[in-house]
Structure formats: structure tokens, C-alpha cells
Amino acid sequence: MSERRTASALAYLHPDFCFIMDDDSMECAGIRAGDIVAFTACDHAEDSQIVAVQTDSAVLLLRQICNGELLADAPRTRREHVIRFDELPGAKIIGKAVEVRHIFEWAKKGTDNEEE
């Protein structure tokens, strides 16, 4: 790290909602299963920003590319999956990611490092 900041320095983000990532489809973007992703509500984003997309059946976490015409995931174990925005039934952007909180694996097991 090149600069030290206190936690209060990040208080300006004021996220509107959060989701817990349920898979590793955005791992190359630094977001893994179990991470808490915070969003500010919006209906548009810039290219390369990570967005929450509400469809008829789910909320997806994807990276916006090509002036919003395409969306992509960022997996580590396979090639990225790219999809046209208009191919997702009922798709609309509901927010853009502003913060990710990663929970260490040992912390998920308990504070005394007990085995599962």
C-alpha cells in the first residue's frame, strides 16, 4: 500500500444496497464467492464499471463494456462470458459497485480458528 487512510475516509461512499456474491464468476475483478459487494443505485454506468443488473429472474453482477451494449463476467477458471444487454429478459441496471468486502476463509470458520 502506498497511502494510509482511516476507515472514516471511506464514509463518503454511502452505498444504497449490498449483495453477497454467490459464485466466483467475477474473481478476476477481485470479487469472490462470499464477498459483500456494496452498490450505489443508478440506471447507467461507464464502460468497465461493475454493475448489478436486474433481470426477470435474478440479479447479476457483471462488467459493462462496449458503451453499455455488452456485459461480461470475469472468471478465473474459464473465458469470460459476454452477453448483449438486450438479450437479458427485462434487464436494467440497478446500481454500480463501489466497495467489496472480502471475508477471509479462516474467519468464516469462527474466531478461534476451529475446523469445520
C-alpha atoms as a PDB file:
ATOM      1  CA  MET A   1       0.000   0.000   0.000  1.00  0.00           C
ATOM      2  CA  SER A   2       1.230   3.430  -0.792  1.00  0.00           C
ATOM      3  CA  GLU A   3      -1.087   5.546   1.328  1.00  0.00           C
ATOM      4  CA  ARG A   4      -2.540   5.117   4.791  1.00  0.00           C
ATOM      5  CA  ARG A   5      -6.181   6.078   5.317  1.00  0.00           C
ATOM      6  CA  THR A   6      -8.516   5.664   8.221  1.00  0.00           C
ATOM      7  CA  ALA A   7     -11.805   3.837   7.801  1.00  0.00           C
ATOM      8  CA  SER A   8     -13.708   7.090   8.195  1.00  0.00           C
ATOM      9  CA  ALA A   9     -12.088   8.350   4.990  1.00  0.00           C
ATOM     10  CA  LEU A  10     -14.298   5.915   3.073  1.00  0.00           C
ATOM     11  CA  ALA A  11     -17.534   7.066   4.692  1.00  0.00           C
ATOM     12  CA  TYR A  12     -18.395   9.239   1.678  1.00  0.00           C
ATOM     13  CA  LEU A  13     -19.352   6.166  -0.385  1.00  0.00           C
ATOM     14  CA  HIS A  14     -22.796   5.796   1.225  1.00  0.00           C
ATOM     15  CA  PRO A  15     -23.883   2.631  -0.625  1.00  0.00           C
ATOM     16  CA  ASP A  16     -27.606   2.172  -1.224  1.00  0.00           C
ATOM     17  CA  PHE A  17     -27.664  -1.637  -1.109  1.00  0.00           C
ATOM     18  CA  CYS A  18     -25.428  -4.714  -0.860  1.00  0.00           C
ATOM     19  CA  PHE A  19     -25.370  -8.253  -2.220  1.00  0.00           C
ATOM     20  CA  ILE A  20     -23.368 -11.281  -1.140  1.00  0.00           C
ATOM     21  CA  MET A  21     -21.608 -12.822  -4.143  1.00  0.00           C
ATOM     22  CA  ASP A  22     -22.696 -16.438  -4.552  1.00  0.00           C
ATOM     23  CA  ASP A  23     -20.067 -17.657  -7.041  1.00  0.00           C
ATOM     24  CA  ASP A  24     -16.608 -16.897  -8.456  1.00  0.00           C
ATOM     25  CA  SER A  25     -17.809 -15.504 -11.806  1.00  0.00           C
ATOM     26  CA  MET A  26     -16.156 -12.129 -11.038  1.00  0.00           C
ATOM     27  CA  GLU A  27     -12.965 -13.495  -9.452  1.00  0.00           C
ATOM     28  CA  CYS A  28     -10.618 -11.757 -11.915  1.00  0.00           C
ATOM     29  CA  ALA A  29     -12.244  -8.478 -10.901  1.00  0.00           C
ATOM     30  CA  GLY A  30     -11.326  -9.233  -7.286  1.00  0.00           C
ATOM     31  CA  ILE A  31     -14.809 -10.391  -6.229  1.00  0.00           C
ATOM     32  CA  ARG A  32     -15.161 -13.950  -4.931  1.00  0.00           C
ATOM     33  CA  ALA A  33     -17.942 -16.113  -3.560  1.00  0.00           C
ATOM     34  CA  GLY A  34     -18.974 -14.872  -0.113  1.00  0.00           C
ATOM     35  CA  ASP A  35     -17.751 -11.305  -0.644  1.00  0.00           C
ATOM     36  CA  ILE A  36     -20.112  -8.461   0.226  1.00  0.00           C
ATOM     37  CA  VAL A  37     -20.500  -6.049  -2.699  1.00  0.00           C
ATOM     38  CA  ALA A  38     -21.894  -2.560  -1.995  1.00  0.00           C
ATOM     39  CA  PHE A  39     -23.652  -0.537  -4.704  1.00  0.00           C
ATOM     40  CA  THR A  40     -24.901   2.973  -5.301  1.00  0.00           C
ATOM     41  CA  ALA A  41     -28.262   2.987  -7.043  1.00  0.00           C
ATOM     42  CA  CYS A  42     -28.190   4.145 -10.675  1.00  0.00           C
ATOM     43  CA  ASP A  43     -29.595   3.191 -14.065  1.00  0.00           C
ATOM     44  CA  HIS A  44     -26.404   3.622 -16.111  1.00  0.00           C
ATOM     45  CA  ALA A  45     -22.642   3.204 -15.797  1.00  0.00           C
ATOM     46  CA  GLU A  46     -19.377   3.780 -17.642  1.00  0.00           C
ATOM     47  CA  ASP A  47     -17.520   1.071 -19.547  1.00  0.00           C
ATOM     48  CA  SER A  48     -15.518  -1.299 -17.320  1.00  0.00           C
ATOM     49  CA  GLN A  49     -17.598  -0.486 -14.231  1.00  0.00           C
ATOM     50  CA  ILE A  50     -19.128  -3.423 -12.365  1.00  0.00           C
ATOM     51  CA  VAL A  51     -22.904  -3.216 -12.288  1.00  0.00           C
ATOM     52  CA  ALA A  52     -25.853  -5.011 -10.716  1.00  0.00           C
ATOM     53  CA  VAL A  53     -28.282  -5.981 -13.474  1.00  0.00           C
ATOM     54  CA  GLN A  54     -31.851  -6.915 -12.534  1.00  0.00           C
ATOM     55  CA  THR A  55     -33.449  -9.400 -14.959  1.00  0.00           C
ATOM     56  CA  ASP A  56     -36.833 -11.099 -14.876  1.00  0.00           C
ATOM     57  CA  SER A  57     -35.360 -13.942 -12.805  1.00  0.00           C
ATOM     58  CA  ALA A  58     -32.218 -12.765 -10.982  1.00  0.00           C
ATOM     59  CA  VAL A  59     -29.781 -10.014 -10.098  1.00  0.00           C
ATOM     60  CA  LEU A  60     -26.480 -10.461 -11.937  1.00  0.00           C
ATOM     61  CA  LEU A  61     -23.101  -8.916 -11.201  1.00  0.00           C
ATOM     62  CA  LEU A  62     -21.368  -8.063 -14.490  1.00  0.00           C
ATOM     63  CA  ARG A  63     -18.830  -5.685 -16.028  1.00  0.00           C
ATOM     64  CA  GLN A  64     -20.213  -3.212 -18.566  1.00  0.00           C
ATOM     65  CA  ILE A  65     -18.367  -2.983 -21.904  1.00  0.00           C
ATOM     66  CA  CYS A  66     -18.902  -1.517 -25.405  1.00  0.00           C
ATOM     67  CA  ASN A  67     -20.856   1.581 -24.360  1.00  0.00           C
ATOM     68  CA  GLY A  68     -23.319  -0.491 -22.367  1.00  0.00           C
ATOM     69  CA  GLU A  69     -24.291  -2.774 -25.240  1.00  0.00           C
ATOM     70  CA  LEU A  70     -22.407  -5.752 -23.804  1.00  0.00           C
ATOM     71  CA  LEU A  71     -21.898  -7.205 -20.333  1.00  0.00           C
ATOM     72  CA  ALA A  72     -19.234  -9.679 -19.220  1.00  0.00           C
ATOM     73  CA  ASP A  73     -18.287 -11.722 -16.193  1.00  0.00           C
ATOM     74  CA  ALA A  74     -14.657 -12.141 -15.053  1.00  0.00           C
ATOM     75  CA  PRO A  75     -13.984 -15.763 -14.042  1.00  0.00           C
ATOM     76  CA  ARG A  76     -10.504 -17.129 -13.377  1.00  0.00           C
ATOM     77  CA  THR A  77     -11.151 -20.723 -14.493  1.00  0.00           C
ATOM     78  CA  ARG A  78     -12.670 -20.122 -17.949  1.00  0.00           C
ATOM     79  CA  ARG A  79     -13.014 -17.499 -20.670  1.00  0.00           C
ATOM     80  CA  GLU A  80     -15.282 -14.603 -19.856  1.00  0.00           C
ATOM     81  CA  HIS A  81     -18.904 -14.922 -20.915  1.00  0.00           C
ATOM     82  CA  VAL A  82     -20.076 -11.907 -22.918  1.00  0.00           C
ATOM     83  CA  ILE A  83     -23.770 -11.228 -23.481  1.00  0.00           C
ATOM     84  CA  ARG A  84     -25.687  -8.469 -25.223  1.00  0.00           C
ATOM     85  CA  PHE A  85     -27.599  -6.311 -22.756  1.00  0.00           C
ATOM     86  CA  ASP A  86     -30.775  -6.578 -24.844  1.00  0.00           C
ATOM     87  CA  GLU A  87     -30.619 -10.409 -24.714  1.00  0.00           C
ATOM     88  CA  LEU A  88     -31.297 -10.468 -20.967  1.00  0.00           C
ATOM     89  CA  PRO A  89     -35.080 -10.593 -20.384  1.00  0.00           C
ATOM     90  CA  GLY A  90     -36.256  -7.476 -18.550  1.00  0.00           C
ATOM     91  CA  ALA A  91     -32.674  -6.310 -17.930  1.00  0.00           C
ATOM     92  CA  LYS A  92     -31.996  -2.990 -16.272  1.00  0.00           C
ATOM     93  CA  ILE A  93     -29.013  -1.639 -14.384  1.00  0.00           C
ATOM     94  CA  ILE A  94     -29.947  -1.040 -10.753  1.00  0.00           C
ATOM     95  CA  GLY A  95     -26.566   0.014  -9.365  1.00  0.00           C
ATOM     96  CA  LYS A  96     -22.803   0.214  -9.759  1.00  0.00           C
ATOM     97  CA  ALA A  97     -20.315  -1.384  -7.385  1.00  0.00           C
ATOM     98  CA  VAL A  98     -18.477   0.995  -5.067  1.00  0.00           C
ATOM     99  CA  GLU A  99     -16.967  -1.350  -2.486  1.00  0.00           C
ATOM    100  CA  VAL A 100     -16.162  -5.030  -1.928  1.00  0.00           C
ATOM    101  CA  ARG A 101     -15.602  -6.568   1.485  1.00  0.00           C
ATOM    102  CA  HIS A 102     -13.762  -9.861   1.484  1.00  0.00           C
ATOM    103  CA  ILE A 103     -14.183 -12.285   4.364  1.00  0.00           C
ATOM    104  CA  PHE A 104     -11.105 -14.433   4.948  1.00  0.00           C
ATOM    105  CA  GLU A 105     -11.728 -18.180   4.869  1.00  0.00           C
ATOM    106  CA  TRP A 106     -10.418 -18.694   8.407  1.00  0.00           C
ATOM    107  CA  ALA A 107     -12.812 -16.026   9.689  1.00  0.00           C
ATOM    108  CA  LYS A 108     -15.787 -17.882   8.202  1.00  0.00           C
ATOM    109  CA  LYS A 109     -14.917 -20.892  10.388  1.00  0.00           C
ATOM    110  CA  GLY A 110     -15.053 -18.955  13.649  1.00  0.00           C
ATOM    111  CA  THR A 111     -12.955 -16.582  15.659  1.00  0.00           C
ATOM    112  CA  ASP A 112     -10.988 -19.316  17.392  1.00  0.00           C
ATOM    113  CA  ASN A 113      -9.800 -20.880  14.088  1.00  0.00           C
ATOM    114  CA  GLU A 114     -11.783 -24.053  14.705  1.00  0.00           C
ATOM    115  CA  GLU A 115     -12.045 -26.654  11.978  1.00  0.00           C
ATOM    116  CA  GLU A 116     -15.349 -27.154  10.162  1.00  0.00           C
END
